[in-house]
Amino acid sequence: MSLDPSSSGIQMVEDDEPALVASINTTPLVDIMLVLLIIFLITVPAALSIVKVQLPTERNQVVQTRPENINVSVDTDGNVYVNTRRVSEDQLASELATAARTVPQPEVHIRGDLLTEYFNVGKVVEAAQRAGIMKIGFITKAPPQSYRAN
């Protein structure tokens, strides 16, 4: 009995298709990632330095000492002086509150020692703000010529 391939329901046919490959080709992915990396390395520094800003120049205004101005000094130990008189925090607050009610309101000039902690000067600024003083200035010494920008 011969089997006729056209009459049978089952056929024995060889597959001409190759087997499926289960691995992923990552070469295109690596190429794209390298291109993106190069683009970011080139564009990020340029984008960061794009903002143009005009920096202020150094201005030094001469302080005119007026009798109505209040000169507050803070020494290295944190002691507070109004003009040449040592005061406590409460005395400073009451003197600044009294000065804030006068018309025209005096300016408060704060002289902080170079070696004092910023906290000590900050307490004086806070007391002046709470009292309602509108003009607070810091008295500093001009920097040496070598530190000045051209």
N, C-alpha and C. Protein backbone atom coordinates (compact mmCIF):
# COMPACT_ATOMS: atom_id res chain seq x y z
N MET A 1 0.82 -1.13 0.00
CA MET A 1 0.00 0.00 0.00
C MET A 1 0.88 1.22 0.00
N SER A 2 0.64 2.02 -0.91
CA SER A 2 1.45 3.22 -1.00
C SER A 2 0.65 4.40 -0.49
N LEU A 3 1.36 5.26 0.10
CA LEU A 3 0.71 6.46 0.64
C LEU A 3 0.80 7.55 -0.40
N ASP A 4 -0.32 8.02 -0.69
CA ASP A 4 -0.37 9.14 -1.62
C ASP A 4 -0.41 10.43 -0.79
N PRO A 5 0.55 11.28 -0.97
CA PRO A 5 0.56 12.48 -0.14
C PRO A 5 -0.66 13.35 -0.36
N SER A 6 -1.27 13.29 -1.47
CA SER A 6 -2.44 14.13 -1.70
C SER A 6 -3.67 13.57 -1.02
N SER A 7 -3.70 12.28 -0.70
CA SER A 7 -4.88 11.69 -0.11
C SER A 7 -4.79 11.60 1.41
N SER A 8 -3.63 11.71 1.94
CA SER A 8 -3.47 11.55 3.38
C SER A 8 -3.64 12.89 4.09
N GLY A 9 -4.15 12.85 5.33
CA GLY A 9 -4.32 14.06 6.13
C GLY A 9 -3.04 14.46 6.82
N ILE A 10 -2.12 13.59 6.99
CA ILE A 10 -0.87 13.88 7.67
C ILE A 10 0.23 13.86 6.64
N GLN A 11 0.99 14.89 6.67
CA GLN A 11 2.09 14.97 5.73
C GLN A 11 3.40 15.10 6.48
N MET A 12 4.37 14.51 5.99
CA MET A 12 5.70 14.60 6.56
C MET A 12 6.48 15.60 5.70
N VAL A 13 6.61 16.81 6.23
CA VAL A 13 7.30 17.86 5.47
C VAL A 13 8.46 18.36 6.31
N GLU A 14 9.54 18.56 5.69
CA GLU A 14 10.69 19.12 6.41
C GLU A 14 10.55 20.62 6.51
N ASP A 15 10.98 21.17 7.70
CA ASP A 15 10.95 22.62 7.91
C ASP A 15 12.17 23.24 7.25
N ASP A 16 11.92 24.26 6.45
CA ASP A 16 13.02 25.00 5.86
C ASP A 16 13.38 26.23 6.69
N GLU A 17 12.55 26.57 7.68
CA GLU A 17 12.80 27.75 8.51
C GLU A 17 13.78 27.41 9.62
N PRO A 18 14.72 28.33 9.90
CA PRO A 18 15.68 28.08 10.99
C PRO A 18 14.99 28.22 12.36
N ALA A 19 15.60 27.69 13.38
CA ALA A 19 15.04 27.78 14.73
C ALA A 19 15.14 29.22 15.23
N LEU A 20 14.24 29.58 16.11
CA LEU A 20 14.24 30.94 16.67
C LEU A 20 15.45 31.14 17.57
N VAL A 21 16.04 32.35 17.48
CA VAL A 21 17.18 32.69 18.31
C VAL A 21 16.65 33.41 19.54
N ALA A 22 17.02 32.95 20.72
CA ALA A 22 16.48 33.52 21.95
C ALA A 22 17.31 34.67 22.50
N SER A 23 18.40 35.05 21.90
CA SER A 23 19.22 36.14 22.41
C SER A 23 18.85 37.45 21.71
N ILE A 24 19.09 38.57 22.44
CA ILE A 24 18.76 39.90 21.91
C ILE A 24 20.05 40.56 21.43
N ASN A 25 19.97 41.15 20.28
CA ASN A 25 21.12 41.86 19.75
C ASN A 25 21.15 43.25 20.39
N THR A 26 22.13 43.52 21.26
CA THR A 26 22.20 44.79 21.99
C THR A 26 23.10 45.82 21.32
N THR A 27 23.69 45.51 20.23
CA THR A 27 24.58 46.45 19.56
C THR A 27 23.89 47.75 19.17
N PRO A 28 22.70 47.74 18.58
CA PRO A 28 22.04 49.02 18.26
C PRO A 28 21.70 49.84 19.52
N LEU A 29 21.33 49.14 20.58
CA LEU A 29 21.00 49.83 21.82
C LEU A 29 22.24 50.53 22.39
N VAL A 30 23.36 49.85 22.38
CA VAL A 30 24.61 50.45 22.87
C VAL A 30 25.01 51.63 22.00
N ASP A 31 24.85 51.52 20.71
CA ASP A 31 25.18 52.63 19.80
C ASP A 31 24.33 53.86 20.11
N ILE A 32 23.05 53.66 20.30
CA ILE A 32 22.15 54.79 20.61
C ILE A 32 22.52 55.42 21.94
N MET A 33 22.81 54.61 22.94
CA MET A 33 23.17 55.13 24.27
C MET A 33 24.47 55.93 24.21
N LEU A 34 25.44 55.48 23.44
CA LEU A 34 26.70 56.21 23.31
C LEU A 34 26.49 57.55 22.61
N VAL A 35 25.65 57.57 21.59
CA VAL A 35 25.35 58.83 20.90
C VAL A 35 24.66 59.80 21.85
N LEU A 36 23.69 59.32 22.63
CA LEU A 36 23.01 60.19 23.60
C LEU A 36 23.97 60.70 24.67
N LEU A 37 24.86 59.86 25.13
CA LEU A 37 25.85 60.27 26.12
C LEU A 37 26.74 61.38 25.59
N ILE A 38 27.19 61.24 24.37
CA ILE A 38 28.03 62.27 23.76
C ILE A 38 27.26 63.58 23.60
N ILE A 39 26.01 63.49 23.18
CA ILE A 39 25.19 64.70 23.04
C ILE A 39 25.02 65.40 24.38
N PHE A 40 24.72 64.65 25.45
CA PHE A 40 24.55 65.26 26.77
C PHE A 40 25.86 65.85 27.28
N LEU A 41 26.99 65.18 27.03
CA LEU A 41 28.27 65.71 27.50
C LEU A 41 28.62 67.01 26.80
N ILE A 42 28.18 67.18 25.59
CA ILE A 42 28.49 68.41 24.85
C ILE A 42 27.51 69.52 25.20
N THR A 43 26.22 69.22 25.33
CA THR A 43 25.22 70.27 25.50
C THR A 43 25.05 70.74 26.94
N VAL A 44 25.26 69.91 27.94
CA VAL A 44 25.02 70.32 29.33
C VAL A 44 25.95 71.46 29.76
N PRO A 45 27.26 71.40 29.55
CA PRO A 45 28.09 72.53 29.95
C PRO A 45 27.72 73.82 29.21
N ALA A 46 27.34 73.71 27.97
CA ALA A 46 26.95 74.90 27.21
C ALA A 46 25.65 75.48 27.75
N ALA A 47 24.73 74.63 28.17
CA ALA A 47 23.45 75.10 28.69
C ALA A 47 23.62 75.75 30.06
N LEU A 48 24.57 75.29 30.84
CA LEU A 48 24.78 75.86 32.17
C LEU A 48 25.41 77.24 32.12
N SER A 49 26.21 77.50 31.13
CA SER A 49 26.88 78.79 31.05
C SER A 49 26.18 79.76 30.11
N ILE A 50 24.97 79.45 29.71
CA ILE A 50 24.24 80.30 28.77
C ILE A 50 23.67 81.55 29.44
N VAL A 51 23.29 81.47 30.71
CA VAL A 51 22.63 82.58 31.38
C VAL A 51 23.63 83.71 31.58
N LYS A 52 23.33 84.85 31.01
CA LYS A 52 24.21 86.01 31.14
C LYS A 52 23.66 86.89 32.25
N VAL A 53 24.55 87.21 33.19
CA VAL A 53 24.17 88.04 34.32
C VAL A 53 25.17 89.17 34.45
N GLN A 54 24.67 90.35 34.72
CA GLN A 54 25.56 91.46 34.95
C GLN A 54 25.76 91.59 36.46
N LEU A 55 26.96 91.31 36.91
CA LEU A 55 27.25 91.35 38.33
C LEU A 55 27.44 92.79 38.80
N PRO A 56 27.04 93.07 40.03
CA PRO A 56 27.21 94.44 40.52
C PRO A 56 28.69 94.76 40.75
N THR A 57 29.01 96.02 40.59
CA THR A 57 30.37 96.45 40.87
C THR A 57 30.45 96.94 42.31
N GLU A 58 31.64 96.98 42.82
CA GLU A 58 31.84 97.38 44.21
C GLU A 58 31.53 98.86 44.37
N ARG A 59 30.73 99.14 45.37
CA ARG A 59 30.37 100.52 45.69
C ARG A 59 30.63 100.75 47.15
N ASN A 60 31.31 101.79 47.46
CA ASN A 60 31.58 102.09 48.85
C ASN A 60 31.05 103.49 49.14
N GLN A 61 30.04 103.56 49.95
CA GLN A 61 29.47 104.84 50.30
C GLN A 61 30.06 105.28 51.63
N VAL A 62 30.47 106.51 51.68
CA VAL A 62 31.03 107.04 52.91
C VAL A 62 29.90 107.24 53.90
N VAL A 63 30.10 106.72 55.10
CA VAL A 63 29.08 106.84 56.14
C VAL A 63 29.21 108.21 56.78
N GLN A 64 28.11 108.91 56.77
CA GLN A 64 28.10 110.21 57.43
C GLN A 64 27.61 110.01 58.86
N THR A 65 28.48 110.30 59.80
CA THR A 65 28.10 110.12 61.20
C THR A 65 27.24 111.30 61.62
N ARG A 66 26.05 110.98 62.02
CA ARG A 66 25.11 111.99 62.51
C ARG A 66 24.85 111.71 63.97
N PRO A 67 24.56 112.71 64.72
CA PRO A 67 24.31 112.47 66.15
C PRO A 67 23.10 111.58 66.40
N GLU A 68 22.14 111.58 65.50
CA GLU A 68 20.94 110.78 65.72
C GLU A 68 21.13 109.31 65.37
N ASN A 69 22.18 108.98 64.62
CA ASN A 69 22.46 107.58 64.29
C ASN A 69 22.83 106.80 65.54
N ILE A 70 22.46 105.52 65.55
CA ILE A 70 22.77 104.66 66.68
C ILE A 70 23.87 103.72 66.24
N ASN A 71 25.01 103.80 66.91
CA ASN A 71 26.14 102.93 66.60
C ASN A 71 26.16 101.79 67.60
N VAL A 72 25.97 100.56 67.08
CA VAL A 72 25.96 99.37 67.92
C VAL A 72 27.20 98.56 67.57
N SER A 73 27.99 98.22 68.59
CA SER A 73 29.20 97.43 68.38
C SER A 73 29.06 96.10 69.10
N VAL A 74 29.61 95.05 68.46
CA VAL A 74 29.62 93.72 69.05
C VAL A 74 31.07 93.26 69.10
N ASP A 75 31.57 92.96 70.32
CA ASP A 75 32.96 92.54 70.43
C ASP A 75 33.09 91.03 70.25
N THR A 76 34.30 90.52 70.40
CA THR A 76 34.55 89.10 70.14
C THR A 76 33.83 88.18 71.11
N ASP A 77 33.53 88.68 72.32
CA ASP A 77 32.84 87.85 73.32
C ASP A 77 31.33 87.92 73.17
N GLY A 78 30.83 88.74 72.26
CA GLY A 78 29.39 88.86 72.07
C GLY A 78 28.77 89.97 72.89
N ASN A 79 29.59 90.79 73.56
CA ASN A 79 29.07 91.92 74.33
C ASN A 79 28.60 93.00 73.37
N VAL A 80 27.46 93.63 73.70
CA VAL A 80 26.87 94.64 72.83
C VAL A 80 27.05 96.01 73.47
N TYR A 81 27.47 96.96 72.63
CA TYR A 81 27.69 98.34 73.09
C TYR A 81 26.86 99.27 72.21
N VAL A 82 26.16 100.21 72.84
CA VAL A 82 25.48 101.27 72.11
C VAL A 82 26.35 102.49 72.31
N ASN A 83 26.88 103.00 71.20
CA ASN A 83 27.93 104.01 71.20
C ASN A 83 29.10 103.46 72.01
N THR A 84 29.37 103.89 73.21
CA THR A 84 30.48 103.33 73.99
C THR A 84 29.99 102.67 75.27
N ARG A 85 28.68 102.59 75.46
CA ARG A 85 28.10 102.06 76.69
C ARG A 85 27.65 100.62 76.49
N ARG A 86 28.10 99.73 77.38
CA ARG A 86 27.71 98.33 77.29
C ARG A 86 26.27 98.18 77.76
N VAL A 87 25.47 97.40 76.97
CA VAL A 87 24.05 97.21 77.28
C VAL A 87 23.71 95.73 77.22
N SER A 88 22.63 95.37 77.92
CA SER A 88 22.12 94.00 77.84
C SER A 88 21.17 93.90 76.65
N GLU A 89 20.69 92.70 76.38
CA GLU A 89 19.75 92.51 75.26
C GLU A 89 18.45 93.27 75.51
N ASP A 90 17.97 93.27 76.74
CA ASP A 90 16.73 93.98 77.05
C ASP A 90 16.90 95.49 76.91
N GLN A 91 18.04 96.01 77.38
CA GLN A 91 18.30 97.45 77.25
C GLN A 91 18.41 97.84 75.78
N LEU A 92 19.06 97.00 74.99
CA LEU A 92 19.19 97.27 73.56
C LEU A 92 17.81 97.31 72.91
N ALA A 93 16.96 96.34 73.24
CA ALA A 93 15.62 96.30 72.65
C ALA A 93 14.82 97.53 73.01
N SER A 94 14.90 97.99 74.28
CA SER A 94 14.12 99.17 74.67
C SER A 94 14.66 100.44 74.03
N GLU A 95 15.99 100.56 73.92
CA GLU A 95 16.56 101.75 73.26
C GLU A 95 16.21 101.79 71.78
N LEU A 96 16.24 100.64 71.12
CA LEU A 96 15.89 100.60 69.70
C LEU A 96 14.41 100.87 69.49
N ALA A 97 13.56 100.40 70.41
CA ALA A 97 12.12 100.68 70.30
C ALA A 97 11.84 102.16 70.47
N THR A 98 12.55 102.80 71.39
CA THR A 98 12.39 104.24 71.59
C THR A 98 12.86 104.99 70.35
N ALA A 99 13.99 104.58 69.78
CA ALA A 99 14.53 105.23 68.58
C ALA A 99 13.62 105.03 67.38
N ALA A 100 12.94 103.90 67.31
CA ALA A 100 12.07 103.61 66.17
C ALA A 100 10.85 104.54 66.14
N ARG A 101 10.47 105.08 67.30
CA ARG A 101 9.30 105.96 67.36
C ARG A 101 9.63 107.42 67.05
N THR A 102 10.91 107.76 66.99
CA THR A 102 11.27 109.14 66.70
C THR A 102 11.14 109.43 65.21
N VAL A 103 10.88 110.71 64.90
CA VAL A 103 10.73 111.12 63.50
C VAL A 103 11.76 112.21 63.24
N PRO A 104 12.61 112.10 62.25
CA PRO A 104 12.86 110.97 61.37
C PRO A 104 13.58 109.85 62.12
N GLN A 105 13.32 108.66 61.66
CA GLN A 105 13.89 107.49 62.34
C GLN A 105 15.39 107.42 62.10
N PRO A 106 16.19 107.20 63.15
CA PRO A 106 17.64 107.13 62.96
C PRO A 106 18.06 105.81 62.31
N GLU A 107 19.26 105.83 61.77
CA GLU A 107 19.83 104.62 61.22
C GLU A 107 20.58 103.88 62.32
N VAL A 108 20.63 102.56 62.21
CA VAL A 108 21.41 101.75 63.14
C VAL A 108 22.62 101.22 62.38
N HIS A 109 23.80 101.56 62.86
CA HIS A 109 25.05 101.10 62.24
C HIS A 109 25.65 100.04 63.15
N ILE A 110 25.82 98.85 62.62
CA ILE A 110 26.33 97.73 63.41
C ILE A 110 27.79 97.49 63.03
N ARG A 111 28.63 97.46 64.06
CA ARG A 111 30.05 97.16 63.88
C ARG A 111 30.33 95.85 64.57
N GLY A 112 30.50 94.80 63.79
CA GLY A 112 30.78 93.48 64.36
C GLY A 112 32.26 93.17 64.25
N ASP A 113 32.85 92.71 65.35
CA ASP A 113 34.27 92.34 65.35
C ASP A 113 34.48 91.19 64.36
N LEU A 114 35.65 91.17 63.75
CA LEU A 114 35.98 90.14 62.75
C LEU A 114 35.90 88.74 63.33
N LEU A 115 36.25 88.58 64.60
CA LEU A 115 36.30 87.26 65.20
C LEU A 115 35.05 86.88 65.99
N THR A 116 34.04 87.74 66.01
CA THR A 116 32.81 87.39 66.72
C THR A 116 31.99 86.42 65.89
N GLU A 117 31.17 85.65 66.55
CA GLU A 117 30.30 84.72 65.84
C GLU A 117 29.18 85.49 65.16
N TYR A 118 28.76 85.02 64.03
CA TYR A 118 27.67 85.69 63.29
C TYR A 118 26.39 85.73 64.12
N PHE A 119 26.21 84.75 64.98
CA PHE A 119 25.03 84.68 65.82
C PHE A 119 24.89 85.94 66.68
N ASN A 120 26.01 86.45 67.20
CA ASN A 120 25.97 87.64 68.05
C ASN A 120 25.52 88.87 67.28
N VAL A 121 25.99 89.01 66.06
CA VAL A 121 25.56 90.12 65.22
C VAL A 121 24.11 89.92 64.80
N GLY A 122 23.73 88.67 64.55
CA GLY A 122 22.34 88.36 64.17
C GLY A 122 21.35 88.73 65.25
N LYS A 123 21.73 88.60 66.51
CA LYS A 123 20.84 88.99 67.61
C LYS A 123 20.57 90.49 67.58
N VAL A 124 21.59 91.29 67.25
CA VAL A 124 21.42 92.74 67.17
C VAL A 124 20.50 93.10 66.00
N VAL A 125 20.70 92.43 64.87
CA VAL A 125 19.85 92.68 63.70
C VAL A 125 18.40 92.31 64.03
N GLU A 126 18.21 91.19 64.69
CA GLU A 126 16.85 90.77 65.06
C GLU A 126 16.20 91.77 66.01
N ALA A 127 16.96 92.26 66.98
CA ALA A 127 16.42 93.25 67.92
C ALA A 127 16.02 94.53 67.18
N ALA A 128 16.82 94.95 66.21
CA ALA A 128 16.50 96.16 65.44
C ALA A 128 15.26 95.94 64.58
N GLN A 129 15.12 94.77 63.99
CA GLN A 129 13.95 94.49 63.17
C GLN A 129 12.69 94.42 64.02
N ARG A 130 12.78 93.79 65.17
CA ARG A 130 11.61 93.71 66.06
C ARG A 130 11.19 95.09 66.56
N ALA A 131 12.17 95.98 66.74
CA ALA A 131 11.86 97.33 67.22
C ALA A 131 11.23 98.17 66.12
N GLY A 132 11.40 97.77 64.86
CA GLY A 132 10.80 98.51 63.76
C GLY A 132 11.77 99.48 63.09
N ILE A 133 13.05 99.29 63.29
CA ILE A 133 14.06 100.13 62.64
C ILE A 133 14.07 99.80 61.15
N MET A 134 14.00 100.83 60.33
CA MET A 134 13.91 100.62 58.88
C MET A 134 15.28 100.59 58.19
N LYS A 135 16.27 101.29 58.74
CA LYS A 135 17.58 101.35 58.09
C LYS A 135 18.62 100.76 59.02
N ILE A 136 19.18 99.63 58.57
CA ILE A 136 20.24 98.95 59.32
C ILE A 136 21.43 98.83 58.39
N GLY A 137 22.59 99.26 58.86
CA GLY A 137 23.79 99.19 58.04
C GLY A 137 24.90 98.48 58.79
N PHE A 138 25.81 97.88 58.04
CA PHE A 138 26.97 97.22 58.62
C PHE A 138 28.20 98.04 58.28
N ILE A 139 28.96 98.35 59.28
CA ILE A 139 30.19 99.11 59.09
C ILE A 139 31.33 98.11 58.95
N THR A 140 32.02 98.18 57.82
CA THR A 140 33.13 97.27 57.55
C THR A 140 34.35 98.06 57.12
N LYS A 141 35.45 97.39 57.12
CA LYS A 141 36.69 97.99 56.65
C LYS A 141 36.87 97.57 55.20
N ALA A 142 37.41 98.45 54.40
CA ALA A 142 37.64 98.14 52.98
C ALA A 142 38.62 96.98 52.88
N PRO A 143 38.37 96.05 51.95
CA PRO A 143 39.31 94.92 51.79
C PRO A 143 40.64 95.41 51.24
N PRO A 144 41.71 94.64 51.47
CA PRO A 144 43.00 95.02 50.89
C PRO A 144 42.94 95.09 49.38
N GLN A 145 43.83 95.85 48.80
CA GLN A 145 43.84 96.05 47.36
C GLN A 145 43.96 94.74 46.59
N SER A 146 44.64 93.74 47.15
CA SER A 146 44.84 92.47 46.44
C SER A 146 43.56 91.66 46.32
N TYR A 147 42.54 91.92 47.17
CA TYR A 147 41.29 91.17 47.11
C TYR A 147 40.26 91.80 46.19
N ARG A 148 40.48 92.98 45.75
CA ARG A 148 39.49 93.66 44.93
C ARG A 148 39.51 93.12 43.50
N ALA A 149 38.31 92.95 42.95
CA ALA A 149 38.19 92.45 41.57
C ALA A 149 38.49 93.57 40.60
N ASN A 150 39.01 93.22 39.45
CA ASN A 150 39.32 94.24 38.44
C ASN A 150 38.11 94.55 37.64
